[in-house]
C-alpha atoms as a PDB file:
ATOM      1  CA  MET A   1     -49.652 177.757 -67.704  1.00  0.00           C
ATOM      2  CA  ALA A   2     -52.710 176.331 -65.988  1.00  0.00           C
ATOM      3  CA  LYS A   3     -56.015 178.090 -66.519  1.00  0.00           C
ATOM      4  CA  ALA A   4     -56.698 180.497 -63.483  1.00  0.00           C
ATOM      5  CA  THR A   5     -59.406 180.005 -60.996  1.00  0.00           C
ATOM      6  CA  LEU A   6     -61.699 183.115 -60.583  1.00  0.00           C
ATOM      7  CA  GLY A   7     -60.900 184.734 -57.423  1.00  0.00           C
ATOM      8  CA  ALA A   8     -57.533 182.984 -56.767  1.00  0.00           C
ATOM      9  CA  GLY A   9     -56.022 186.160 -55.567  1.00  0.00           C
ATOM     10  CA  ASN A  10     -59.049 187.198 -53.206  1.00  0.00           C
ATOM     11  CA  VAL A  11     -58.354 187.451 -49.475  1.00  0.00           C
ATOM     12  CA  GLU A  12     -61.292 186.916 -47.052  1.00  0.00           C
ATOM     13  CA  ILE A  13     -61.473 189.109 -44.085  1.00  0.00           C
ATOM     14  CA  THR A  14     -64.066 189.525 -41.173  1.00  0.00           C
ATOM     15  CA  LEU A  15     -64.896 193.189 -40.887  1.00  0.00           C
ATOM     16  CA  ASP A  16     -67.044 194.239 -37.945  1.00  0.00           C
ATOM     17  CA  GLY A  17     -68.181 190.560 -37.660  1.00  0.00           C
ATOM     18  CA  GLU A  18     -69.181 190.349 -41.360  1.00  0.00           C
ATOM     19  CA  PRO A  19     -67.271 188.382 -43.993  1.00  0.00           C
ATOM     20  CA  ALA A  20     -65.793 190.567 -46.737  1.00  0.00           C
ATOM     21  CA  VAL A  21     -63.417 189.890 -49.580  1.00  0.00           C
ATOM     22  CA  LEU A  22     -60.440 191.964 -50.760  1.00  0.00           C
ATOM     23  CA  ARG A  23     -60.180 191.545 -54.414  1.00  0.00           C
ATOM     24  CA  PRO A  24     -56.822 192.470 -56.194  1.00  0.00           C
ATOM     25  CA  SER A  25     -57.123 195.040 -59.012  1.00  0.00           C
ATOM     26  CA  LEU A  26     -54.925 197.216 -61.007  1.00  0.00           C
ATOM     27  CA  GLN A  27     -56.726 200.228 -59.553  1.00  0.00           C
ATOM     28  CA  ALA A  28     -56.096 199.154 -56.005  1.00  0.00           C
ATOM     29  CA  ALA A  29     -52.414 198.408 -56.569  1.00  0.00           C
ATOM     30  CA  GLN A  30     -51.856 201.790 -58.159  1.00  0.00           C
ATOM     31  CA  SER A  31     -53.803 203.824 -55.542  1.00  0.00           C
ATOM     32  CA  ILE A  32     -52.020 201.975 -52.749  1.00  0.00           C
ATOM     33  CA  SER A  33     -48.703 202.345 -54.315  1.00  0.00           C
ATOM     34  CA  ARG A  34     -49.287 206.055 -54.868  1.00  0.00           C
ATOM     35  CA  GLN A  35     -50.460 206.738 -51.399  1.00  0.00           C
ATOM     36  CA  SER A  36     -47.730 204.739 -49.635  1.00  0.00           C
ATOM     37  CA  GLY A  37     -44.601 205.236 -51.610  1.00  0.00           C
ATOM     38  CA  GLY A  38     -44.862 201.947 -53.158  1.00  0.00           C
ATOM     39  CA  ILE A  39     -46.401 198.680 -52.115  1.00  0.00           C
ATOM     40  CA  SER A  40     -43.532 197.954 -49.782  1.00  0.00           C
ATOM     41  CA  GLY A  41     -44.226 201.271 -48.073  1.00  0.00           C
ATOM     42  CA  ALA A  42     -47.759 200.035 -47.477  1.00  0.00           C
ATOM     43  CA  VAL A  43     -46.497 196.732 -46.085  1.00  0.00           C
ATOM     44  CA  ARG A  44     -44.289 198.508 -43.652  1.00  0.00           C
ATOM     45  CA  ALA A  45     -47.076 200.854 -42.672  1.00  0.00           C
ATOM     46  CA  VAL A  46     -49.442 197.911 -42.174  1.00  0.00           C
ATOM     47  CA  GLY A  47     -46.812 196.156 -40.124  1.00  0.00           C
ATOM     48  CA  GLN A  48     -46.515 199.200 -37.834  1.00  0.00           C
ATOM     49  CA  PHE A  49     -50.292 199.056 -37.301  1.00  0.00           C
ATOM     50  CA  ASP A  50     -50.900 202.356 -39.161  1.00  0.00           C
ATOM     51  CA  PHE A  51     -54.492 202.743 -38.834  1.00  0.00           C
ATOM     52  CA  ASP A  52     -54.949 205.004 -41.865  1.00  0.00           C
ATOM     53  CA  ALA A  53     -52.915 202.618 -44.157  1.00  0.00           C
ATOM     54  CA  ILE A  54     -55.043 199.647 -43.173  1.00  0.00           C
ATOM     55  CA  VAL A  55     -58.279 201.505 -43.698  1.00  0.00           C
ATOM     56  CA  ALA A  56     -57.025 202.601 -47.276  1.00  0.00           C
ATOM     57  CA  VAL A  57     -56.023 198.917 -48.148  1.00  0.00           C
ATOM     58  CA  VAL A  58     -59.312 197.586 -46.905  1.00  0.00           C
ATOM     59  CA  THR A  59     -61.380 200.257 -48.741  1.00  0.00           C
ATOM     60  CA  LEU A  60     -59.414 199.885 -52.102  1.00  0.00           C
ATOM     61  CA  GLY A  61     -59.562 196.069 -51.762  1.00  0.00           C
ATOM     62  CA  LEU A  62     -63.233 196.071 -51.136  1.00  0.00           C
ATOM     63  CA  GLY A  63     -63.603 198.345 -54.091  1.00  0.00           C
ATOM     64  CA  VAL A  64     -66.142 200.614 -52.247  1.00  0.00           C
ATOM     65  CA  ALA A  65     -66.620 204.433 -52.528  1.00  0.00           C
ATOM     66  CA  GLY A  66     -68.836 207.129 -51.393  1.00  0.00           C
ATOM     67  CA  ALA A  67     -71.018 206.503 -48.245  1.00  0.00           C
ATOM     68  CA  GLU A  68     -69.960 202.923 -47.980  1.00  0.00           C
ATOM     69  CA  ALA A  69     -66.282 203.926 -47.958  1.00  0.00           C
ATOM     70  CA  LYS A  70     -66.994 206.455 -45.030  1.00  0.00           C
ATOM     71  CA  GLU A  71     -67.961 203.403 -42.913  1.00  0.00           C
ATOM     72  CA  ILE A  72     -64.740 201.529 -43.413  1.00  0.00           C
ATOM     73  CA  PRO A  73     -62.765 203.366 -40.641  1.00  0.00           C
ATOM     74  CA  ASN A  74     -65.387 202.549 -38.015  1.00  0.00           C
ATOM     75  CA  LYS A  75     -65.684 198.944 -39.114  1.00  0.00           C
ATOM     76  CA  VAL A  76     -61.804 198.683 -39.043  1.00  0.00           C
ATOM     77  CA  TRP A  77     -61.906 200.136 -35.524  1.00  0.00           C
ATOM     78  CA  LYS A  78     -64.484 197.690 -34.307  1.00  0.00           C
ATOM     79  CA  THR A  79     -62.717 194.718 -35.848  1.00  0.00           C
ATOM     80  CA  GLY A  80     -59.278 195.635 -34.442  1.00  0.00           C
ATOM     81  CA  LEU A  81     -56.045 196.225 -36.176  1.00  0.00           C
ATOM     82  CA  THR A  82     -54.507 192.899 -34.807  1.00  0.00           C
ATOM     83  CA  GLU A  83     -57.309 190.953 -36.751  1.00  0.00           C
ATOM     84  CA  LEU A  84     -56.535 192.666 -39.979  1.00  0.00           C
ATOM     85  CA  VAL A  85     -52.859 192.910 -40.168  1.00  0.00           C
ATOM     86  CA  GLY A  86     -52.132 189.403 -41.353  1.00  0.00           C
ATOM     87  CA  PRO A  87     -54.727 189.203 -44.133  1.00  0.00           C
ATOM     88  CA  VAL A  88     -54.129 192.934 -45.252  1.00  0.00           C
ATOM     89  CA  SER A  89     -50.393 192.027 -45.529  1.00  0.00           C
ATOM     90  CA  SER A  90     -51.158 188.968 -47.647  1.00  0.00           C
ATOM     91  CA  PHE A  91     -53.268 190.977 -49.871  1.00  0.00           C
ATOM     92  CA  LEU A  92     -50.555 193.380 -50.446  1.00  0.00           C
ATOM     93  CA  THR A  93     -48.131 190.584 -51.386  1.00  0.00           C
ATOM     94  CA  ILE A  94     -50.758 189.472 -53.763  1.00  0.00           C
ATOM     95  CA  LEU A  95     -51.020 192.908 -55.327  1.00  0.00           C
ATOM     96  CA  ALA A  96     -47.183 193.103 -55.559  1.00  0.00           C
ATOM     97  CA  ASN A  97     -47.414 189.785 -57.476  1.00  0.00           C
ATOM     98  CA  GLY A  98     -49.815 191.134 -60.160  1.00  0.00           C
ATOM     99  CA  GLY A  99     -52.833 189.888 -58.270  1.00  0.00           C
ATOM    100  CA  ARG A 100     -51.733 186.423 -58.226  1.00  0.00           C
ATOM    101  CA  PRO A 101     -51.091 184.517 -54.971  1.00  0.00           C
ATOM    102  CA  ILE A 102     -47.574 183.490 -54.192  1.00  0.00           C
ATOM    103  CA  SER A 103     -46.850 179.879 -55.016  1.00  0.00           C
ATOM    104  CA  THR A 104     -45.596 177.927 -51.858  1.00  0.00           C
ATOM    105  CA  GLY A 105     -45.113 174.351 -53.170  1.00  0.00           C
ATOM    106  CA  GLY A 106     -42.802 174.793 -56.058  1.00  0.00           C
ATOM    107  CA  GLU A 107     -45.753 174.635 -58.412  1.00  0.00           C
ATOM    108  CA  GLU A 108     -47.015 177.637 -60.475  1.00  0.00           C
ATOM    109  CA  GLY A 109     -49.550 179.657 -58.732  1.00  0.00           C
ATOM    110  CA  GLU A 110     -52.920 180.193 -60.466  1.00  0.00           C
ATOM    111  CA  ASP A 111     -52.997 183.280 -62.607  1.00  0.00           C
ATOM    112  CA  PRO A 112     -56.239 185.398 -62.409  1.00  0.00           C
ATOM    113  CA  GLN A 113     -54.900 187.498 -65.274  1.00  0.00           C
ATOM    114  CA  ASN A 114     -55.383 184.504 -67.682  1.00  0.00           C
ATOM    115  CA  GLN A 115     -59.149 184.238 -67.361  1.00  0.00           C
END
C-alpha cells in the first residue's frame, strides 16, 4: 500500500466567501452517524437540503466548537445550501470510507490512516 498523503481526505469548501477545509476524523464520523441515524442518514438529509444536517456536518468537519461553532449556521445561510450540498456529500462519502477518498481509476486511494 502506498504511503498516504497528508490531507488526502480533506474537502475544500467556500464558506461565506472564505476558503475552509472539512477534515475527516473519527470524532466527526461518530458524531454525524449518531445524530443522523448513520452516515447514510446524513447523506439523505444533505441531499434533501436539510439545513441543520448541513450545518452539523460542516461544523464537525471544520472541527470547531464554542463561539466559532455558533457562527456556522449564519455562514452556511450566507453561502447557500446549493453551494454546499456537493462538497458536503463528498465529505460524508470520505467519512464512510474511513477518511479515505474513494478511488476512481482502479488504483488504490491514498490512505490518510497510514501516516
